[in-house]
Amino acid sequence: MFTNKRVKGNIGEDIAIEYLEKNGYKIIDRNFSSRFGEIDIIARKDYIVAFIEVKTRSSIKYGNPYEFVDKNKQRKIGKTALYYIKINNLINTQFSFDIMEVFLKEQNKINHIKDAFWI
C-alpha cells in the first residue's frame, strides 16, 4: 500500500494528531528534533505535557508497533524531552511519555498507550 516509510509515518502522525485534537489535546510541536533525537508529537491536555511516539503499521506481521519503542528509543526520547523542557522553561508541569499505534488497514484504528514508559 505504501512504499515510502516517511510517507506512511506522516500519514500516521496526521491521523494521531486528528485523534488527539478530538480528545482535548492541544498540539504544541511536531517532529521536534535535537542532537539527542526526535519526538513525533508534543501535546498538552490540562496540566500534562505528553511526549508521543507514533508507530504506524499496515500489519502486525513483525510484531505490535509498541514493541519497536525499545529501551534505546526510550532513552533518546527522554533526552530529547529533557532538552525540550529546559529550552522551553516548563516548570510546574507534569509529563507523560505515550505511544500511539496507528493501524492503517483497520480503518485507521488507533491505540493510545498513555504513560507507556518512564525516563
PDB file of N, CA and C in Angstrom:
ATOM      1  N   MET A   1       0.826  -1.196   0.000  1.00  0.00           N
ATOM      2  CA  MET A   1       0.000   0.000   0.000  1.00  0.00           C
ATOM      3  C   MET A   1       0.867   1.256   0.000  1.00  0.00           C
ATOM      4  N   PHE A   2       1.828   1.333   0.940  1.00  0.00           N
ATOM      5  CA  PHE A   2       2.727   2.476   0.998  1.00  0.00           C
ATOM      6  C   PHE A   2       4.133   1.992   0.727  1.00  0.00           C
ATOM      7  N   THR A   3       4.860   2.727  -0.107  1.00  0.00           N
ATOM      8  CA  THR A   3       6.217   2.306  -0.421  1.00  0.00           C
ATOM      9  C   THR A   3       7.252   3.093   0.361  1.00  0.00           C
ATOM     10  N   ASN A   4       6.945   4.282   0.748  1.00  0.00           N
ATOM     11  CA  ASN A   4       7.901   5.131   1.448  1.00  0.00           C
ATOM     12  C   ASN A   4       7.559   5.174   2.935  1.00  0.00           C
ATOM     13  N   LYS A   5       8.527   4.752   3.783  1.00  0.00           N
ATOM     14  CA  LYS A   5       8.279   4.723   5.231  1.00  0.00           C
ATOM     15  C   LYS A   5       7.945   6.106   5.783  1.00  0.00           C
ATOM     16  N   ARG A   6       8.615   7.135   5.270  1.00  0.00           N
ATOM     17  CA  ARG A   6       8.377   8.500   5.760  1.00  0.00           C
ATOM     18  C   ARG A   6       6.964   8.958   5.417  1.00  0.00           C
ATOM     19  N   VAL A   7       6.493   8.614   4.221  1.00  0.00           N
ATOM     20  CA  VAL A   7       5.128   8.982   3.825  1.00  0.00           C
ATOM     21  C   VAL A   7       4.131   8.290   4.746  1.00  0.00           C
ATOM     22  N   LYS A   8       4.345   6.989   5.008  1.00  0.00           N
ATOM     23  CA  LYS A   8       3.455   6.242   5.906  1.00  0.00           C
ATOM     24  C   LYS A   8       3.501   6.850   7.310  1.00  0.00           C
ATOM     25  N   GLY A   9       4.713   7.204   7.753  1.00  0.00           N
ATOM     26  CA  GLY A   9       4.857   7.823   9.075  1.00  0.00           C
ATOM     27  C   GLY A   9       4.113   9.139   9.182  1.00  0.00           C
ATOM     28  N   ASN A  10       4.208   9.968   8.143  1.00  0.00           N
ATOM     29  CA  ASN A  10       3.500  11.258   8.140  1.00  0.00           C
ATOM     30  C   ASN A  10       1.989  11.067   8.168  1.00  0.00           C
ATOM     31  N   ILE A  11       1.508  10.086   7.421  1.00  0.00           N
ATOM     32  CA  ILE A  11       0.068   9.794   7.420  1.00  0.00           C
ATOM     33  C   ILE A  11      -0.359   9.361   8.827  1.00  0.00           C
ATOM     34  N   GLY A  12       0.424   8.491   9.445  1.00  0.00           N
ATOM     35  CA  GLY A  12       0.117   8.046  10.804  1.00  0.00           C
ATOM     36  C   GLY A  12       0.105   9.187  11.798  1.00  0.00           C
ATOM     37  N   GLU A  13       1.073  10.104  11.675  1.00  0.00           N
ATOM     38  CA  GLU A  13       1.127  11.262  12.573  1.00  0.00           C
ATOM     39  C   GLU A  13      -0.075  12.171  12.357  1.00  0.00           C
ATOM     40  N   ASP A  14      -0.480  12.356  11.106  1.00  0.00           N
ATOM     41  CA  ASP A  14      -1.671  13.176  10.820  1.00  0.00           C
ATOM     42  C   ASP A  14      -2.909  12.569  11.473  1.00  0.00           C
ATOM     43  N   ILE A  15      -3.048  11.250  11.373  1.00  0.00           N
ATOM     44  CA  ILE A  15      -4.187  10.553  11.977  1.00  0.00           C
ATOM     45  C   ILE A  15      -4.123  10.688  13.500  1.00  0.00           C
ATOM     46  N   ALA A  16      -2.927  10.533  14.063  1.00  0.00           N
ATOM     47  CA  ALA A  16      -2.757  10.650  15.514  1.00  0.00           C
ATOM     48  C   ALA A  16      -3.117  12.053  15.997  1.00  0.00           C
ATOM     49  N   ILE A  17      -2.681  13.078  15.271  1.00  0.00           N
ATOM     50  CA  ILE A  17      -2.985  14.461  15.648  1.00  0.00           C
ATOM     51  C   ILE A  17      -4.485  14.712  15.611  1.00  0.00           C
ATOM     52  N   GLU A  18      -5.142  14.217  14.592  1.00  0.00           N
ATOM     53  CA  GLU A  18      -6.599  14.378  14.495  1.00  0.00           C
ATOM     54  C   GLU A  18      -7.276  13.723  15.702  1.00  0.00           C
ATOM     55  N   TYR A  19      -6.839  12.533  16.070  1.00  0.00           N
ATOM     56  CA  TYR A  19      -7.380  11.828  17.228  1.00  0.00           C
ATOM     57  C   TYR A  19      -7.139  12.630  18.512  1.00  0.00           C
ATOM     58  N   LEU A  20      -5.904  13.100  18.687  1.00  0.00           N
ATOM     59  CA  LEU A  20      -5.561  13.853  19.891  1.00  0.00           C
ATOM     60  C   LEU A  20      -6.414  15.111  20.024  1.00  0.00           C
ATOM     61  N   GLU A  21      -6.546  15.859  18.939  1.00  0.00           N
ATOM     62  CA  GLU A  21      -7.333  17.094  18.979  1.00  0.00           C
ATOM     63  C   GLU A  21      -8.800  16.806  19.306  1.00  0.00           C
ATOM     64  N   LYS A  22      -9.341  15.723  18.767  1.00  0.00           N
ATOM     65  CA  LYS A  22     -10.723  15.348  19.069  1.00  0.00           C
ATOM     66  C   LYS A  22     -10.891  14.943  20.527  1.00  0.00           C
ATOM     67  N   ASN A  23      -9.786  14.566  21.164  1.00  0.00           N
ATOM     68  CA  ASN A  23      -9.832  14.123  22.556  1.00  0.00           C
ATOM     69  C   ASN A  23      -9.268  15.156  23.520  1.00  0.00           C
ATOM     70  N   GLY A  24      -9.284  16.420  23.117  1.00  0.00           N
ATOM     71  CA  GLY A  24      -8.973  17.508  24.031  1.00  0.00           C
ATOM     72  C   GLY A  24      -7.518  17.908  24.162  1.00  0.00           C
ATOM     73  N   TYR A  25      -6.644  17.370  23.317  1.00  0.00           N
ATOM     74  CA  TYR A  25      -5.235  17.753  23.362  1.00  0.00           C
ATOM     75  C   TYR A  25      -4.982  18.961  22.465  1.00  0.00           C
ATOM     76  N   LYS A  26      -4.040  19.796  22.875  1.00  0.00           N
ATOM     77  CA  LYS A  26      -3.571  20.902  22.046  1.00  0.00           C
ATOM     78  C   LYS A  26      -2.173  20.528  21.574  1.00  0.00           C
ATOM     79  N   ILE A  27      -1.973  20.536  20.278  1.00  0.00           N
ATOM     80  CA  ILE A  27      -0.668  20.175  19.718  1.00  0.00           C
ATOM     81  C   ILE A  27       0.288  21.344  19.917  1.00  0.00           C
ATOM     82  N   ILE A  28       1.406  21.072  20.562  1.00  0.00           N
ATOM     83  CA  ILE A  28       2.419  22.096  20.824  1.00  0.00           C
ATOM     84  C   ILE A  28       3.501  22.074  19.756  1.00  0.00           C
ATOM     85  N   ASP A  29       3.919  20.871  19.373  1.00  0.00           N
ATOM     86  CA  ASP A  29       5.008  20.743  18.410  1.00  0.00           C
ATOM     87  C   ASP A  29       4.904  19.394  17.709  1.00  0.00           C
ATOM     88  N   ARG A  30       5.500  19.346  16.539  1.00  0.00           N
ATOM     89  CA  ARG A  30       5.525  18.110  15.748  1.00  0.00           C
ATOM     90  C   ARG A  30       6.921  17.928  15.193  1.00  0.00           C
ATOM     91  N   ASN A  31       7.417  16.714  15.250  1.00  0.00           N
ATOM     92  CA  ASN A  31       8.748  16.374  14.756  1.00  0.00           C
ATOM     93  C   ASN A  31       9.824  17.277  15.336  1.00  0.00           C
ATOM     94  N   PHE A  32       9.757  17.467  16.652  1.00  0.00           N
ATOM     95  CA  PHE A  32      10.787  18.245  17.339  1.00  0.00           C
ATOM     96  C   PHE A  32      12.060  17.412  17.372  1.00  0.00           C
ATOM     97  N   SER A  33      13.156  18.001  16.895  1.00  0.00           N
ATOM     98  CA  SER A  33      14.404  17.249  16.922  1.00  0.00           C
ATOM     99  C   SER A  33      15.517  18.079  17.531  1.00  0.00           C
ATOM    100  N   SER A  34      16.445  17.349  18.111  1.00  0.00           N
ATOM    101  CA  SER A  34      17.640  17.938  18.703  1.00  0.00           C
ATOM    102  C   SER A  34      18.784  16.979  18.397  1.00  0.00           C
ATOM    103  N   ARG A  35      19.933  17.270  18.934  1.00  0.00           N
ATOM    104  CA  ARG A  35      21.062  16.366  18.704  1.00  0.00           C
ATOM    105  C   ARG A  35      20.858  15.026  19.395  1.00  0.00           C
ATOM    106  N   PHE A  36      19.878  14.947  20.298  1.00  0.00           N
ATOM    107  CA  PHE A  36      19.617  13.718  21.035  1.00  0.00           C
ATOM    108  C   PHE A  36      18.662  12.773  20.308  1.00  0.00           C
ATOM    109  N   GLY A  37      17.777  13.340  19.493  1.00  0.00           N
ATOM    110  CA  GLY A  37      16.788  12.521  18.800  1.00  0.00           C
ATOM    111  C   GLY A  37      15.593  13.346  18.374  1.00  0.00           C
ATOM    112  N   GLU A  38      14.491  12.659  18.108  1.00  0.00           N
ATOM    113  CA  GLU A  38      13.276  13.321  17.630  1.00  0.00           C
ATOM    114  C   GLU A  38      12.067  12.829  18.422  1.00  0.00           C
ATOM    115  N   ILE A  39      11.124  13.739  18.617  1.00  0.00           N
ATOM    116  CA  ILE A  39       9.844  13.388  19.224  1.00  0.00           C
ATOM    117  C   ILE A  39       8.779  13.701  18.190  1.00  0.00           C
ATOM    118  N   ASP A  40       7.934  12.712  17.894  1.00  0.00           N
ATOM    119  CA  ASP A  40       6.936  12.868  16.834  1.00  0.00           C
ATOM    120  C   ASP A  40       5.924  13.961  17.151  1.00  0.00           C
ATOM    121  N   ILE A  41       5.327  13.903  18.333  1.00  0.00           N
ATOM    122  CA  ILE A  41       4.295  14.872  18.704  1.00  0.00           C
ATOM    123  C   ILE A  41       4.484  15.276  20.165  1.00  0.00           C
ATOM    124  N   ILE A  42       4.357  16.560  20.419  1.00  0.00           N
ATOM    125  CA  ILE A  42       4.317  17.068  21.793  1.00  0.00           C
ATOM    126  C   ILE A  42       2.972  17.766  21.923  1.00  0.00           C
ATOM    127  N   ALA A  43       2.189  17.326  22.899  1.00  0.00           N
ATOM    128  CA  ALA A  43       0.834  17.847  23.059  1.00  0.00           C
ATOM    129  C   ALA A  43       0.540  18.098  24.526  1.00  0.00           C
ATOM    130  N   ARG A  44      -0.437  18.971  24.776  1.00  0.00           N
ATOM    131  CA  ARG A  44      -0.825  19.303  26.143  1.00  0.00           C
ATOM    132  C   ARG A  44      -2.314  19.024  26.322  1.00  0.00           C
ATOM    133  N   LYS A  45      -2.615  18.419  27.471  1.00  0.00           N
ATOM    134  CA  LYS A  45      -4.006  18.270  27.887  1.00  0.00           C
ATOM    135  C   LYS A  45      -4.043  18.590  29.362  1.00  0.00           C
ATOM    136  N   ASP A  46      -4.832  19.583  29.713  1.00  0.00           N
ATOM    137  CA  ASP A  46      -4.902  20.083  31.079  1.00  0.00           C
ATOM    138  C   ASP A  46      -3.493  20.508  31.518  1.00  0.00           C
ATOM    139  N   TYR A  47      -2.974  19.907  32.577  1.00  0.00           N
ATOM    140  CA  TYR A  47      -1.652  20.294  33.075  1.00  0.00           C
ATOM    141  C   TYR A  47      -0.567  19.294  32.698  1.00  0.00           C
ATOM    142  N   ILE A  48      -0.867  18.428  31.770  1.00  0.00           N
ATOM    143  CA  ILE A  48       0.094  17.390  31.380  1.00  0.00           C
ATOM    144  C   ILE A  48       0.600  17.642  29.964  1.00  0.00           C
ATOM    145  N   VAL A  49       1.922  17.616  29.820  1.00  0.00           N
ATOM    146  CA  VAL A  49       2.546  17.673  28.501  1.00  0.00           C
ATOM    147  C   VAL A  49       2.934  16.251  28.132  1.00  0.00           C
ATOM    148  N   ALA A  50       2.442  15.784  26.999  1.00  0.00           N
ATOM    149  CA  ALA A  50       2.701  14.418  26.539  1.00  0.00           C
ATOM    150  C   ALA A  50       3.709  14.440  25.405  1.00  0.00           C
ATOM    151  N   PHE A  51       4.744  13.621  25.561  1.00  0.00           N
ATOM    152  CA  PHE A  51       5.722  13.386  24.507  1.00  0.00           C
ATOM    153  C   PHE A  51       5.315  12.065  23.864  1.00  0.00           C
ATOM    154  N   ILE A  52       4.942  12.123  22.588  1.00  0.00           N
ATOM    155  CA  ILE A  52       4.270  10.992  21.963  1.00  0.00           C
ATOM    156  C   ILE A  52       5.080  10.441  20.788  1.00  0.00           C
ATOM    157  N   GLU A  53       5.333   9.154  20.842  1.00  0.00           N
ATOM    158  CA  GLU A  53       5.965   8.425  19.751  1.00  0.00           C
ATOM    159  C   GLU A  53       4.863   7.719  18.976  1.00  0.00           C
ATOM    160  N   VAL A  54       4.802   7.976  17.666  1.00  0.00           N
ATOM    161  CA  VAL A  54       3.774   7.378  16.822  1.00  0.00           C
ATOM    162  C   VAL A  54       4.400   6.253  16.008  1.00  0.00           C
ATOM    163  N   LYS A  55       3.779   5.095  16.057  1.00  0.00           N
ATOM    164  CA  LYS A  55       4.214   3.954  15.264  1.00  0.00           C
ATOM    165  C   LYS A  55       3.065   3.555  14.346  1.00  0.00           C
ATOM    166  N   THR A  56       3.313   3.620  13.052  1.00  0.00           N
ATOM    167  CA  THR A  56       2.282   3.354  12.057  1.00  0.00           C
ATOM    168  C   THR A  56       2.594   2.038  11.356  1.00  0.00           C
ATOM    169  N   ARG A  57       1.611   1.183  11.263  1.00  0.00           N
ATOM    170  CA  ARG A  57       1.796  -0.117  10.620  1.00  0.00           C
ATOM    171  C   ARG A  57       0.585  -0.454   9.758  1.00  0.00           C
ATOM    172  N   SER A  58       0.861  -1.254   8.732  1.00  0.00           N
ATOM    173  CA  SER A  58      -0.208  -1.797   7.899  1.00  0.00           C
ATOM    174  C   SER A  58      -0.603  -3.189   8.375  1.00  0.00           C
ATOM    175  N   SER A  59       0.318  -3.845   9.117  1.00  0.00           N
ATOM    176  CA  SER A  59       0.019  -5.167   9.668  1.00  0.00           C
ATOM    177  C   SER A  59       0.890  -5.375  10.906  1.00  0.00           C
ATOM    178  N   ILE A  60       0.580  -6.434  11.641  1.00  0.00           N
ATOM    179  CA  ILE A  60       1.412  -6.768  12.801  1.00  0.00           C
ATOM    180  C   ILE A  60       2.238  -8.027  12.512  1.00  0.00           C
ATOM    181  N   LYS A  61       2.519  -8.229  11.252  1.00  0.00           N
ATOM    182  CA  LYS A  61       3.290  -9.394  10.814  1.00  0.00           C
ATOM    183  C   LYS A  61       4.609  -9.530  11.575  1.00  0.00           C
ATOM    184  N   TYR A  62       5.250  -8.407  11.874  1.00  0.00           N
ATOM    185  CA  TYR A  62       6.543  -8.431  12.547  1.00  0.00           C
ATOM    186  C   TYR A  62       6.455  -8.003  14.012  1.00  0.00           C
ATOM    187  N   GLY A  63       5.251  -7.893  14.533  1.00  0.00           N
ATOM    188  CA  GLY A  63       5.057  -7.529  15.926  1.00  0.00           C
ATOM    189  C   GLY A  63       4.180  -6.302  16.064  1.00  0.00           C
ATOM    190  N   ASN A  64       3.750  -6.065  17.290  1.00  0.00           N
ATOM    191  CA  ASN A  64       2.934  -4.883  17.578  1.00  0.00           C
ATOM    192  C   ASN A  64       3.799  -3.631  17.501  1.00  0.00           C
ATOM    193  N   PRO A  65       3.230  -2.529  17.059  1.00  0.00           N
ATOM    194  CA  PRO A  65       4.021  -1.301  16.914  1.00  0.00           C
ATOM    195  C   PRO A  65       4.735  -0.855  18.184  1.00  0.00           C
ATOM    196  N   TYR A  66       4.075  -0.975  19.339  1.00  0.00           N
ATOM    197  CA  TYR A  66       4.701  -0.513  20.579  1.00  0.00           C
ATOM    198  C   TYR A  66       5.993  -1.258  20.886  1.00  0.00           C
ATOM    199  N   GLU A  67       6.130  -2.473  20.391  1.00  0.00           N
ATOM    200  CA  GLU A  67       7.324  -3.271  20.652  1.00  0.00           C
ATOM    201  C   GLU A  67       8.582  -2.659  20.021  1.00  0.00           C
ATOM    202  N   PHE A  68       8.406  -1.757  19.074  1.00  0.00           N
ATOM    203  CA  PHE A  68       9.539  -1.139  18.395  1.00  0.00           C
ATOM    204  C   PHE A  68      10.037   0.109  19.121  1.00  0.00           C
ATOM    205  N   VAL A  69       9.409   0.441  20.235  1.00  0.00           N
ATOM    206  CA  VAL A  69       9.901   1.534  21.084  1.00  0.00           C
ATOM    207  C   VAL A  69      10.702   0.874  22.202  1.00  0.00           C
ATOM    208  N   ASP A  70      11.904   0.461  21.848  1.00  0.00           N
ATOM    209  CA  ASP A  70      12.756  -0.264  22.787  1.00  0.00           C
ATOM    210  C   ASP A  70      13.448   0.693  23.763  1.00  0.00           C
ATOM    211  N   LYS A  71      14.249   0.141  24.655  1.00  0.00           N
ATOM    212  CA  LYS A  71      14.930   0.951  25.680  1.00  0.00           C
ATOM    213  C   LYS A  71      15.812   2.028  25.055  1.00  0.00           C
ATOM    214  N   ASN A  72      16.492   1.720  23.973  1.00  0.00           N
ATOM    215  CA  ASN A  72      17.344   2.694  23.304  1.00  0.00           C
ATOM    216  C   ASN A  72      16.507   3.869  22.772  1.00  0.00           C
ATOM    217  N   LYS A  73      15.389   3.563  22.137  1.00  0.00           N
ATOM    218  CA  LYS A  73      14.492   4.610  21.619  1.00  0.00           C
ATOM    219  C   LYS A  73      13.919   5.424  22.776  1.00  0.00           C
ATOM    220  N   GLN A  74      13.564   4.763  23.866  1.00  0.00           N
ATOM    221  CA  GLN A  74      13.039   5.462  25.033  1.00  0.00           C
ATOM    222  C   GLN A  74      14.072   6.433  25.602  1.00  0.00           C
ATOM    223  N   ARG A  75      15.336   6.017  25.649  1.00  0.00           N
ATOM    224  CA  ARG A  75      16.400   6.903  26.137  1.00  0.00           C
ATOM    225  C   ARG A  75      16.532   8.140  25.256  1.00  0.00           C
ATOM    226  N   LYS A  76      16.485   7.944  23.936  1.00  0.00           N
ATOM    227  CA  LYS A  76      16.590   9.073  23.001  1.00  0.00           C
ATOM    228  C   LYS A  76      15.419  10.041  23.190  1.00  0.00           C
ATOM    229  N   ILE A  77      14.222   9.495  23.313  1.00  0.00           N
ATOM    230  CA  ILE A  77      13.046  10.337  23.535  1.00  0.00           C
ATOM    231  C   ILE A  77      13.193  11.080  24.858  1.00  0.00           C
ATOM    232  N   GLY A  78      13.642  10.383  25.889  1.00  0.00           N
ATOM    233  CA  GLY A  78      13.828  11.003  27.200  1.00  0.00           C
ATOM    234  C   GLY A  78      14.816  12.149  27.163  1.00  0.00           C
ATOM    235  N   LYS A  79      15.964  11.957  26.538  1.00  0.00           N
ATOM    236  CA  LYS A  79      16.968  13.021  26.437  1.00  0.00           C
ATOM    237  C   LYS A  79      16.433  14.203  25.637  1.00  0.00           C
ATOM    238  N   THR A  80      15.732  13.908  24.563  1.00  0.00           N
ATOM    239  CA  THR A  80      15.152  14.970  23.740  1.00  0.00           C
ATOM    240  C   THR A  80      14.089  15.730  24.527  1.00  0.00           C
ATOM    241  N   ALA A  81      13.270  15.008  25.294  1.00  0.00           N
ATOM    242  CA  ALA A  81      12.235  15.645  26.113  1.00  0.00           C
ATOM    243  C   ALA A  81      12.857  16.539  27.177  1.00  0.00           C
ATOM    244  N   LEU A  82      13.904  16.069  27.840  1.00  0.00           N
ATOM    245  CA  LEU A  82      14.572  16.891  28.857  1.00  0.00           C
ATOM    246  C   LEU A  82      15.136  18.168  28.242  1.00  0.00           C
ATOM    247  N   TYR A  83      15.682  18.061  27.050  1.00  0.00           N
ATOM    248  CA  TYR A  83      16.182  19.246  26.341  1.00  0.00           C
ATOM    249  C   TYR A  83      15.018  20.199  26.035  1.00  0.00           C
ATOM    250  N   TYR A  84      13.907  19.657  25.542  1.00  0.00           N
ATOM    251  CA  TYR A  84      12.728  20.469  25.226  1.00  0.00           C
ATOM    252  C   TYR A  84      12.207  21.176  26.478  1.00  0.00           C
ATOM    253  N   ILE A  85      12.151  20.445  27.585  1.00  0.00           N
ATOM    254  CA  ILE A  85      11.685  21.017  28.858  1.00  0.00           C
ATOM    255  C   ILE A  85      12.585  22.174  29.272  1.00  0.00           C
ATOM    256  N   LYS A  86      13.876  21.981  29.134  1.00  0.00           N
ATOM    257  CA  LYS A  86      14.841  23.012  29.536  1.00  0.00           C
ATOM    258  C   LYS A  86      14.730  24.261  28.675  1.00  0.00           C
ATOM    259  N   ILE A  87      14.730  24.102  27.351  1.00  0.00           N
ATOM    260  CA  ILE A  87      14.733  25.293  26.479  1.00  0.00           C
ATOM    261  C   ILE A  87      13.399  26.029  26.503  1.00  0.00           C
ATOM    262  N   ASN A  88      12.338  25.332  26.908  1.00  0.00           N
ATOM    263  CA  ASN A  88      11.022  25.977  26.983  1.00  0.00           C
ATOM    264  C   ASN A  88      10.633  26.338  28.414  1.00  0.00           C
ATOM    265  N   ASN A  89      11.560  26.129  29.343  1.00  0.00           N
ATOM    266  CA  ASN A  89      11.360  26.509  30.738  1.00  0.00           C
ATOM    267  C   ASN A  89      10.018  26.004  31.283  1.00  0.00           C
ATOM    268  N   LEU A  90       9.748  24.737  31.056  1.00  0.00           N
ATOM    269  CA  LEU A  90       8.484  24.149  31.514  1.00  0.00           C
ATOM    270  C   LEU A  90       8.610  23.758  32.979  1.00  0.00           C
ATOM    271  N   ILE A  91       8.059  24.612  33.813  1.00  0.00           N
ATOM    272  CA  ILE A  91       8.080  24.346  35.250  1.00  0.00           C
ATOM    273  C   ILE A  91       6.650  24.124  35.721  1.00  0.00           C
ATOM    274  N   ASN A  92       6.506  23.477  36.854  1.00  0.00           N
ATOM    275  CA  ASN A  92       5.179  23.172  37.410  1.00  0.00           C
ATOM    276  C   ASN A  92       4.295  22.460  36.390  1.00  0.00           C
ATOM    277  N   THR A  93       4.895  21.513  35.695  1.00  0.00           N
ATOM    278  CA  THR A  93       4.192  20.768  34.656  1.00  0.00           C
ATOM    279  C   THR A  93       4.413  19.283  34.875  1.00  0.00           C
ATOM    280  N   GLN A  94       3.386  18.511  34.634  1.00  0.00           N
ATOM    281  CA  GLN A  94       3.517  17.059  34.670  1.00  0.00           C
ATOM    282  C   GLN A  94       3.779  16.576  33.251  1.00  0.00           C
ATOM    283  N   PHE A  95       4.460  15.439  33.140  1.00  0.00           N
ATOM    284  CA  PHE A  95       4.820  14.918  31.830  1.00  0.00           C
ATOM    285  C   PHE A  95       4.375  13.478  31.681  1.00  0.00           C
ATOM    286  N   SER A  96       4.144  13.108  30.442  1.00  0.00           N
ATOM    287  CA  SER A  96       3.740  11.758  30.103  1.00  0.00           C
ATOM    288  C   SER A  96       4.503  11.331  28.851  1.00  0.00           C
ATOM    289  N   PHE A  97       4.926  10.076  28.819  1.00  0.00           N
ATOM    290  CA  PHE A  97       5.577   9.515  27.630  1.00  0.00           C
ATOM    291  C   PHE A  97       4.641   8.457  27.070  1.00  0.00           C
ATOM    292  N   ASP A  98       4.034   8.784  25.940  1.00  0.00           N
ATOM    293  CA  ASP A  98       2.992   7.955  25.351  1.00  0.00           C
ATOM    294  C   ASP A  98       3.460   7.336  24.035  1.00  0.00           C
ATOM    295  N   ILE A  99       2.807   6.254  23.676  1.00  0.00           N
ATOM    296  CA  ILE A  99       2.985   5.642  22.363  1.00  0.00           C
ATOM    297  C   ILE A  99       1.611   5.580  21.714  1.00  0.00           C
ATOM    298  N   MET A 100       1.559   5.957  20.453  1.00  0.00           N
ATOM    299  CA  MET A 100       0.312   5.819  19.701  1.00  0.00           C
ATOM    300  C   MET A 100       0.561   4.860  18.558  1.00  0.00           C
ATOM    301  N   GLU A 101      -0.212   3.782  18.550  1.00  0.00           N
ATOM    302  CA  GLU A 101      -0.158   2.819  17.464  1.00  0.00           C
ATOM    303  C   GLU A 101      -1.259   3.183  16.470  1.00  0.00           C
ATOM    304  N   VAL A 102      -0.880   3.326  15.205  1.00  0.00           N
ATOM    305  CA  VAL A 102      -1.847   3.618  14.153  1.00  0.00           C
ATOM    306  C   VAL A 102      -1.813   2.451  13.167  1.00  0.00           C
ATOM    307  N   PHE A 103      -2.969   1.819  13.004  1.00  0.00           N
ATOM    308  CA  PHE A 103      -3.102   0.673  12.109  1.00  0.00           C
ATOM    309  C   PHE A 103      -3.857   1.131  10.864  1.00  0.00           C
ATOM    310  N   LEU A 104      -3.160   1.221   9.737  1.00  0.00           N
ATOM    311  CA  LEU A 104      -3.753   1.804   8.538  1.00  0.00           C
ATOM    312  C   LEU A 104      -4.768   0.902   7.836  1.00  0.00           C
ATOM    313  N   LYS A 105      -4.600  -0.385   7.909  1.00  0.00           N
ATOM    314  CA  LYS A 105      -5.514  -1.270   7.190  1.00  0.00           C
ATOM    315  C   LYS A 105      -6.784  -1.575   7.979  1.00  0.00           C
ATOM    316  N   GLU A 106      -6.862  -1.078   9.184  1.00  0.00           N
ATOM    317  CA  GLU A 106      -8.034  -1.338  10.021  1.00  0.00           C
ATOM    318  C   GLU A 106      -8.825  -0.048  10.240  1.00  0.00           C
ATOM    319  N   GLN A 107      -9.197   0.605   9.130  1.00  0.00           N
ATOM    320  CA  GLN A 107      -9.934   1.865   9.176  1.00  0.00           C
ATOM    321  C   GLN A 107      -9.259   2.848  10.136  1.00  0.00           C
ATOM    322  N   ASN A 108      -7.936   2.912  10.041  1.00  0.00           N
ATOM    323  CA  ASN A 108      -7.138   3.836  10.856  1.00  0.00           C
ATOM    324  C   ASN A 108      -7.390   3.660  12.350  1.00  0.00           C
ATOM    325  N   LYS A 109      -7.372   2.423  12.788  1.00  0.00           N
ATOM    326  CA  LYS A 109      -7.525   2.119  14.210  1.00  0.00           C
ATOM    327  C   LYS A 109      -6.351   2.724  14.979  1.00  0.00           C
ATOM    328  N   ILE A 110      -6.651   3.285  16.140  1.00  0.00           N
ATOM    329  CA  ILE A 110      -5.632   3.925  16.967  1.00  0.00           C
ATOM    330  C   ILE A 110      -5.652   3.311  18.356  1.00  0.00           C
ATOM    331  N   ASN A 111      -4.463   3.048  18.871  1.00  0.00           N
ATOM    332  CA  ASN A 111      -4.305   2.589  20.243  1.00  0.00           C
ATOM    333  C   ASN A 111      -3.382   3.589  20.929  1.00  0.00           C
ATOM    334  N   HIS A 112      -3.930   4.389  21.838  1.00  0.00           N
ATOM    335  CA  HIS A 112      -3.154   5.407  22.550  1.00  0.00           C
ATOM    336  C   HIS A 112      -2.740   4.825  23.900  1.00  0.00           C
ATOM    337  N   ILE A 113      -1.449   4.558  24.041  1.00  0.00           N
ATOM    338  CA  ILE A 113      -0.920   3.993  25.284  1.00  0.00           C
ATOM    339  C   ILE A 113      -0.323   5.141  26.101  1.00  0.00           C
ATOM    340  N   LYS A 114      -1.065   5.577  27.102  1.00  0.00           N
ATOM    341  CA  LYS A 114      -0.602   6.674  27.957  1.00  0.00           C
ATOM    342  C   LYS A 114       0.396   6.150  28.980  1.00  0.00           C
ATOM    343  N   ASP A 115       1.366   6.992  29.327  1.00  0.00           N
ATOM    344  CA  ASP A 115       2.403   6.592  30.294  1.00  0.00           C
ATOM    345  C   ASP A 115       3.015   5.248  29.937  1.00  0.00           C
ATOM    346  N   ALA A 116       3.379   5.105  28.680  1.00  0.00           N
ATOM    347  CA  ALA A 116       3.911   3.837  28.168  1.00  0.00           C
ATOM    348  C   ALA A 116       5.274   3.501  28.772  1.00  0.00           C
ATOM    349  N   PHE A 117       6.038   4.539  29.128  1.00  0.00           N
ATOM    350  CA  PHE A 117       7.341   4.305  29.737  1.00  0.00           C
ATOM    351  C   PHE A 117       7.745   5.535  30.527  1.00  0.00           C
ATOM    352  N   TRP A 118       8.777   5.371  31.354  1.00  0.00           N
ATOM    353  CA  TRP A 118       9.315   6.446  32.190  1.00  0.00           C
ATOM    354  C   TRP A 118      10.779   6.644  31.844  1.00  0.00           C
ATOM    355  N   ILE A 119      11.247   7.845  32.069  1.00  0.00           N
ATOM    356  CA  ILE A 119      12.683   8.088  31.840  1.00  0.00           C
ATOM    357  C   ILE A 119      13.399   8.232  33.159  1.00  0.00           C
TER     358      ILE A 119
END
